[in-house]
Amino acid sequence: MVYTVRVVAANLITGTLSVCAKSEEEALSKAEQRISPGLKQEGYEFQLEVLEARDLALEARDLARLAA
């Protein structure tokens, strides 16, 4: 599955990223690992939220079926 995660840093930035993971918990963990350690050390607080989950294998099968 591919999860889209929103990352919000207090008074700094808001952005989204995509990560491959087996669960929402793993997706949030992977997203947190991608946050710059320097920002964490400066005391910024981050909020992470899963926006959507997509099964790319299922989408690929559906596209192949449509193309056939």
PDB file of N, CA and C in Angstrom:
ATOM      1  N   MET A   1       0.850  -1.176   0.000  1.00  0.00           N
ATOM      2  CA  MET A   1       0.000   0.000   0.000  1.00  0.00           C
ATOM      3  C   MET A   1       0.892   1.234   0.000  1.00  0.00           C
ATOM      4  N   VAL A   2       0.387   2.280  -0.600  1.00  0.00           N
ATOM      5  CA  VAL A   2       1.062   3.569  -0.562  1.00  0.00           C
ATOM      6  C   VAL A   2       0.171   4.512   0.233  1.00  0.00           C
ATOM      7  N   TYR A   3       0.733   5.110   1.268  1.00  0.00           N
ATOM      8  CA  TYR A   3      -0.004   6.025   2.125  1.00  0.00           C
ATOM      9  C   TYR A   3       0.473   7.442   1.869  1.00  0.00           C
ATOM     10  N   THR A   4      -0.461   8.371   1.751  1.00  0.00           N
ATOM     11  CA  THR A   4      -0.132   9.782   1.664  1.00  0.00           C
ATOM     12  C   THR A   4      -0.285  10.349   3.065  1.00  0.00           C
ATOM     13  N   VAL A   5       0.780  10.971   3.562  1.00  0.00           N
ATOM     14  CA  VAL A   5       0.814  11.469   4.932  1.00  0.00           C
ATOM     15  C   VAL A   5       1.020  12.977   4.909  1.00  0.00           C
ATOM     16  N   ARG A   6       0.165  13.707   5.654  1.00  0.00           N
ATOM     17  CA  ARG A   6       0.364  15.146   5.797  1.00  0.00           C
ATOM     18  C   ARG A   6       1.274  15.380   6.997  1.00  0.00           C
ATOM     19  N   VAL A   7       2.267  16.242   6.812  1.00  0.00           N
ATOM     20  CA  VAL A   7       3.199  16.600   7.876  1.00  0.00           C
ATOM     21  C   VAL A   7       3.016  18.085   8.156  1.00  0.00           C
ATOM     22  N   VAL A   8       2.728  18.420   9.399  1.00  0.00           N
ATOM     23  CA  VAL A   8       2.559  19.809   9.792  1.00  0.00           C
ATOM     24  C   VAL A   8       3.554  20.103  10.906  1.00  0.00           C
ATOM     25  N   ALA A   9       4.409  21.108  10.681  1.00  0.00           N
ATOM     26  CA  ALA A   9       5.346  21.545  11.709  1.00  0.00           C
ATOM     27  C   ALA A   9       4.842  22.886  12.224  1.00  0.00           C
ATOM     28  N   ALA A  10       4.683  22.992  13.528  1.00  0.00           N
ATOM     29  CA  ALA A  10       4.152  24.214  14.126  1.00  0.00           C
ATOM     30  C   ALA A  10       4.931  25.437  13.660  1.00  0.00           C
ATOM     31  N   ASN A  11       4.220  26.399  13.093  1.00  0.00           N
ATOM     32  CA  ASN A  11       4.788  27.678  12.658  1.00  0.00           C
ATOM     33  C   ASN A  11       5.894  27.544  11.627  1.00  0.00           C
ATOM     34  N   LEU A  12       5.912  26.464  10.868  1.00  0.00           N
ATOM     35  CA  LEU A  12       7.013  26.302   9.919  1.00  0.00           C
ATOM     36  C   LEU A  12       6.498  25.899   8.547  1.00  0.00           C
ATOM     37  N   ILE A  13       6.085  24.672   8.407  1.00  0.00           N
ATOM     38  CA  ILE A  13       5.710  24.165   7.087  1.00  0.00           C
ATOM     39  C   ILE A  13       4.526  23.218   7.193  1.00  0.00           C
ATOM     40  N   THR A  14       3.897  23.005   6.074  1.00  0.00           N
ATOM     41  CA  THR A  14       2.917  21.936   5.912  1.00  0.00           C
ATOM     42  C   THR A  14       3.223  21.294   4.573  1.00  0.00           C
ATOM     43  N   GLY A  15       3.252  19.998   4.527  1.00  0.00           N
ATOM     44  CA  GLY A  15       3.530  19.305   3.278  1.00  0.00           C
ATOM     45  C   GLY A  15       2.979  17.901   3.330  1.00  0.00           C
ATOM     46  N   THR A  16       3.078  17.213   2.218  1.00  0.00           N
ATOM     47  CA  THR A  16       2.654  15.817   2.165  1.00  0.00           C
ATOM     48  C   THR A  16       3.778  14.984   1.568  1.00  0.00           C
ATOM     49  N   LEU A  17       3.765  13.724   1.882  1.00  0.00           N
ATOM     50  CA  LEU A  17       4.710  12.784   1.301  1.00  0.00           C
ATOM     51  C   LEU A  17       4.032  11.441   1.182  1.00  0.00           C
ATOM     52  N   SER A  18       4.575  10.615   0.315  1.00  0.00           N
ATOM     53  CA  SER A  18       4.043   9.266   0.132  1.00  0.00           C
ATOM     54  C   SER A  18       5.076   8.251   0.589  1.00  0.00           C
ATOM     55  N   VAL A  19       4.610   7.239   1.278  1.00  0.00           N
ATOM     56  CA  VAL A  19       5.492   6.166   1.737  1.00  0.00           C
ATOM     57  C   VAL A  19       4.825   4.825   1.470  1.00  0.00           C
ATOM     58  N   CYS A  20       5.618   3.820   1.173  1.00  0.00           N
ATOM     59  CA  CYS A  20       5.121   2.449   1.033  1.00  0.00           C
ATOM     60  C   CYS A  20       5.182   1.801   2.409  1.00  0.00           C
ATOM     61  N   ALA A  21       4.066   1.213   2.826  1.00  0.00           N
ATOM     62  CA  ALA A  21       4.019   0.595   4.147  1.00  0.00           C
ATOM     63  C   ALA A  21       2.910  -0.453   4.164  1.00  0.00           C
ATOM     64  N   LYS A  22       2.958  -1.316   5.173  1.00  0.00           N
ATOM     65  CA  LYS A  22       1.958  -2.365   5.315  1.00  0.00           C
ATOM     66  C   LYS A  22       0.775  -1.932   6.170  1.00  0.00           C
ATOM     67  N   SER A  23       0.931  -0.821   6.913  1.00  0.00           N
ATOM     68  CA  SER A  23      -0.145  -0.347   7.786  1.00  0.00           C
ATOM     69  C   SER A  23      -0.011   1.159   7.968  1.00  0.00           C
ATOM     70  N   GLU A  24      -1.073   1.770   8.495  1.00  0.00           N
ATOM     71  CA  GLU A  24      -1.023   3.200   8.780  1.00  0.00           C
ATOM     72  C   GLU A  24       0.060   3.508   9.810  1.00  0.00           C
ATOM     73  N   GLU A  25       0.189   2.646  10.812  1.00  0.00           N
ATOM     74  CA  GLU A  25       1.190   2.861  11.853  1.00  0.00           C
ATOM     75  C   GLU A  25       2.593   2.864  11.264  1.00  0.00           C
ATOM     76  N   GLU A  26       2.857   1.923  10.370  1.00  0.00           N
ATOM     77  CA  GLU A  26       4.172   1.860   9.731  1.00  0.00           C
ATOM     78  C   GLU A  26       4.377   3.087   8.845  1.00  0.00           C
ATOM     79  N   ALA A  27       3.325   3.531   8.168  1.00  0.00           N
ATOM     80  CA  ALA A  27       3.425   4.711   7.305  1.00  0.00           C
ATOM     81  C   ALA A  27       3.784   5.941   8.124  1.00  0.00           C
ATOM     82  N   LEU A  28       3.142   6.108   9.263  1.00  0.00           N
ATOM     83  CA  LEU A  28       3.444   7.259  10.120  1.00  0.00           C
ATOM     84  C   LEU A  28       4.865   7.184  10.660  1.00  0.00           C
ATOM     85  N   SER A  29       5.293   5.985  11.015  1.00  0.00           N
ATOM     86  CA  SER A  29       6.654   5.798  11.515  1.00  0.00           C
ATOM     87  C   SER A  29       7.680   6.152  10.436  1.00  0.00           C
ATOM     88  N   LYS A  30       7.453   5.684   9.212  1.00  0.00           N
ATOM     89  CA  LYS A  30       8.374   5.979   8.115  1.00  0.00           C
ATOM     90  C   LYS A  30       8.388   7.473   7.803  1.00  0.00           C
ATOM     91  N   ALA A  31       7.222   8.095   7.842  1.00  0.00           N
ATOM     92  CA  ALA A  31       7.144   9.537   7.582  1.00  0.00           C
ATOM     93  C   ALA A  31       7.924  10.303   8.642  1.00  0.00           C
ATOM     94  N   GLU A  32       7.781   9.900   9.889  1.00  0.00           N
ATOM     95  CA  GLU A  32       8.501  10.578  10.975  1.00  0.00           C
ATOM     96  C   GLU A  32      10.013  10.440  10.810  1.00  0.00           C
ATOM     97  N   GLN A  33      10.462   9.286  10.326  1.00  0.00           N
ATOM     98  CA  GLN A  33      11.900   9.069  10.120  1.00  0.00           C
ATOM     99  C   GLN A  33      12.461   9.986   9.044  1.00  0.00           C
ATOM    100  N   ARG A  34      11.606  10.481   8.136  1.00  0.00           N
ATOM    101  CA  ARG A  34      12.065  11.327   7.042  1.00  0.00           C
ATOM    102  C   ARG A  34      12.127  12.807   7.420  1.00  0.00           C
ATOM    103  N   ILE A  35      11.671  13.147   8.631  1.00  0.00           N
ATOM    104  CA  ILE A  35      11.745  14.536   9.100  1.00  0.00           C
ATOM    105  C   ILE A  35      13.179  14.836   9.496  1.00  0.00           C
ATOM    106  N   SER A  36      13.652  15.987   9.095  1.00  0.00           N
ATOM    107  CA  SER A  36      15.030  16.388   9.377  1.00  0.00           C
ATOM    108  C   SER A  36      15.307  16.374  10.880  1.00  0.00           C
ATOM    109  N   PRO A  37      16.358  15.658  11.303  1.00  0.00           N
ATOM    110  CA  PRO A  37      16.705  15.641  12.731  1.00  0.00           C
ATOM    111  C   PRO A  37      17.002  17.042  13.270  1.00  0.00           C
ATOM    112  N   GLY A  38      17.545  17.909  12.421  1.00  0.00           N
ATOM    113  CA  GLY A  38      17.851  19.273  12.863  1.00  0.00           C
ATOM    114  C   GLY A  38      16.604  20.023  13.293  1.00  0.00           C
ATOM    115  N   LEU A  39      15.511  19.823  12.564  1.00  0.00           N
ATOM    116  CA  LEU A  39      14.260  20.489  12.934  1.00  0.00           C
ATOM    117  C   LEU A  39      13.732  19.958  14.259  1.00  0.00           C
ATOM    118  N   LYS A  40      13.881  18.661  14.469  1.00  0.00           N
ATOM    119  CA  LYS A  40      13.435  18.079  15.735  1.00  0.00           C
ATOM    120  C   LYS A  40      14.269  18.636  16.896  1.00  0.00           C
ATOM    121  N   GLN A  41      15.585  18.758  16.686  1.00  0.00           N
ATOM    122  CA  GLN A  41      16.464  19.269  17.729  1.00  0.00           C
ATOM    123  C   GLN A  41      16.185  20.729  18.050  1.00  0.00           C
ATOM    124  N   GLU A  42      15.683  21.478  17.064  1.00  0.00           N
ATOM    125  CA  GLU A  42      15.360  22.889  17.295  1.00  0.00           C
ATOM    126  C   GLU A  42      14.047  23.056  18.042  1.00  0.00           C
ATOM    127  N   GLY A  43      13.379  21.953  18.336  1.00  0.00           N
ATOM    128  CA  GLY A  43      12.184  22.004  19.161  1.00  0.00           C
ATOM    129  C   GLY A  43      10.866  22.109  18.409  1.00  0.00           C
ATOM    130  N   TYR A  44      10.903  21.954  17.096  1.00  0.00           N
ATOM    131  CA  TYR A  44       9.647  21.990  16.351  1.00  0.00           C
ATOM    132  C   TYR A  44       8.816  20.761  16.677  1.00  0.00           C
ATOM    133  N   GLU A  45       7.519  20.975  16.818  1.00  0.00           N
ATOM    134  CA  GLU A  45       6.607  19.867  17.050  1.00  0.00           C
ATOM    135  C   GLU A  45       5.936  19.512  15.732  1.00  0.00           C
ATOM    136  N   PHE A  46       5.808  18.244  15.466  1.00  0.00           N
ATOM    137  CA  PHE A  46       5.240  17.766  14.212  1.00  0.00           C
ATOM    138  C   PHE A  46       3.966  16.994  14.460  1.00  0.00           C
ATOM    139  N   GLN A  47       3.012  17.187  13.575  1.00  0.00           N
ATOM    140  CA  GLN A  47       1.781  16.400  13.574  1.00  0.00           C
ATOM    141  C   GLN A  47       1.749  15.636  12.257  1.00  0.00           C
ATOM    142  N   LEU A  48       1.442  14.363  12.330  1.00  0.00           N
ATOM    143  CA  LEU A  48       1.364  13.516  11.137  1.00  0.00           C
ATOM    144  C   LEU A  48      -0.052  12.970  11.018  1.00  0.00           C
ATOM    145  N   GLU A  49      -0.577  12.957   9.809  1.00  0.00           N
ATOM    146  CA  GLU A  49      -1.935  12.478   9.571  1.00  0.00           C
ATOM    147  C   GLU A  49      -1.974  11.731   8.244  1.00  0.00           C
ATOM    148  N   VAL A  50      -2.513  10.522   8.258  1.00  0.00           N
ATOM    149  CA  VAL A  50      -2.675   9.764   7.018  1.00  0.00           C
ATOM    150  C   VAL A  50      -3.870  10.336   6.259  1.00  0.00           C
ATOM    151  N   LEU A  51      -3.628  10.761   5.028  1.00  0.00           N
ATOM    152  CA  LEU A  51      -4.694  11.332   4.210  1.00  0.00           C
ATOM    153  C   LEU A  51      -5.391  10.279   3.353  1.00  0.00           C
ATOM    154  N   GLU A  52      -4.625   9.349   2.790  1.00  0.00           N
ATOM    155  CA  GLU A  52      -5.228   8.297   1.973  1.00  0.00           C
ATOM    156  C   GLU A  52      -4.300   7.099   1.899  1.00  0.00           C
ATOM    157  N   ALA A  53      -4.900   5.961   1.589  1.00  0.00           N
ATOM    158  CA  ALA A  53      -4.154   4.720   1.376  1.00  0.00           C
ATOM    159  C   ALA A  53      -4.541   4.199   0.003  1.00  0.00           C
ATOM    160  N   ARG A  54      -3.530   3.844  -0.782  1.00  0.00           N
ATOM    161  CA  ARG A  54      -3.783   3.336  -2.139  1.00  0.00           C
ATOM    162  C   ARG A  54      -3.049   2.020  -2.333  1.00  0.00           C
ATOM    163  N   ASP A  55      -3.746   1.071  -2.908  1.00  0.00           N
ATOM    164  CA  ASP A  55      -3.154  -0.226  -3.234  1.00  0.00           C
ATOM    165  C   ASP A  55      -2.721  -0.170  -4.698  1.00  0.00           C
ATOM    166  N   LEU A  56      -1.439   0.098  -4.932  1.00  0.00           N
ATOM    167  CA  LEU A  56      -0.943   0.262  -6.296  1.00  0.00           C
ATOM    168  C   LEU A  56      -1.039  -1.021  -7.113  1.00  0.00           C
ATOM    169  N   ALA A  57      -0.890  -2.168  -6.466  1.00  0.00           N
ATOM    170  CA  ALA A  57      -1.001  -3.440  -7.194  1.00  0.00           C
ATOM    171  C   ALA A  57      -2.422  -3.608  -7.727  1.00  0.00           C
ATOM    172  N   LEU A  58      -3.411  -3.273  -6.915  1.00  0.00           N
ATOM    173  CA  LEU A  58      -4.803  -3.364  -7.349  1.00  0.00           C
ATOM    174  C   LEU A  58      -5.084  -2.369  -8.470  1.00  0.00           C
ATOM    175  N   GLU A  59      -4.552  -1.151  -8.342  1.00  0.00           N
ATOM    176  CA  GLU A  59      -4.742  -0.147  -9.387  1.00  0.00           C
ATOM    177  C   GLU A  59      -4.095  -0.595 -10.701  1.00  0.00           C
ATOM    178  N   ALA A  60      -2.932  -1.218 -10.618  1.00  0.00           N
ATOM    179  CA  ALA A  60      -2.249  -1.706 -11.821  1.00  0.00           C
ATOM    180  C   ALA A  60      -3.066  -2.803 -12.494  1.00  0.00           C
ATOM    181  N   ARG A  61      -3.634  -3.710 -11.695  1.00  0.00           N
ATOM    182  CA  ARG A  61      -4.481  -4.773 -12.266  1.00  0.00           C
ATOM    183  C   ARG A  61      -5.712  -4.179 -12.943  1.00  0.00           C
ATOM    184  N   ASP A  62      -6.313  -3.179 -12.317  1.00  0.00           N
ATOM    185  CA  ASP A  62      -7.490  -2.535 -12.903  1.00  0.00           C
ATOM    186  C   ASP A  62      -7.136  -1.852 -14.221  1.00  0.00           C
ATOM    187  N   LEU A  63      -5.995  -1.172 -14.272  1.00  0.00           N
ATOM    188  CA  LEU A  63      -5.571  -0.518 -15.504  1.00  0.00           C
ATOM    189  C   LEU A  63      -5.294  -1.537 -16.593  1.00  0.00           C
ATOM    190  N   ALA A  64      -4.666  -2.654 -16.237  1.00  0.00           N
ATOM    191  CA  ALA A  64      -4.372  -3.699 -17.218  1.00  0.00           C
ATOM    192  C   ALA A  64      -5.672  -4.281 -17.763  1.00  0.00           C
ATOM    193  N   ARG A  65      -6.646  -4.451 -16.888  1.00  0.00           N
ATOM    194  CA  ARG A  65      -7.941  -4.989 -17.312  1.00  0.00           C
ATOM    195  C   ARG A  65      -8.628  -4.026 -18.274  1.00  0.00           C
ATOM    196  N   LEU A  66      -8.532  -2.731 -18.013  1.00  0.00           N
ATOM    197  CA  LEU A  66      -9.150  -1.733 -18.893  1.00  0.00           C
ATOM    198  C   LEU A  66      -8.454  -1.686 -20.260  1.00  0.00           C
ATOM    199  N   ALA A  67      -7.143  -1.888 -20.260  1.00  0.00           N
ATOM    200  CA  ALA A  67      -6.370  -1.814 -21.500  1.00  0.00           C
ATOM    201  C   ALA A  67      -6.601  -3.046 -22.382  1.00  0.00           C
ATOM    202  N   ALA A  68      -7.017  -4.132 -21.785  1.00  0.00           N
ATOM    203  CA  ALA A  68      -7.191  -5.388 -22.543  1.00  0.00           C
ATOM    204  C   ALA A  68      -8.443  -5.392 -23.384  1.00  0.00           C
TER     205      ALA A  68
END
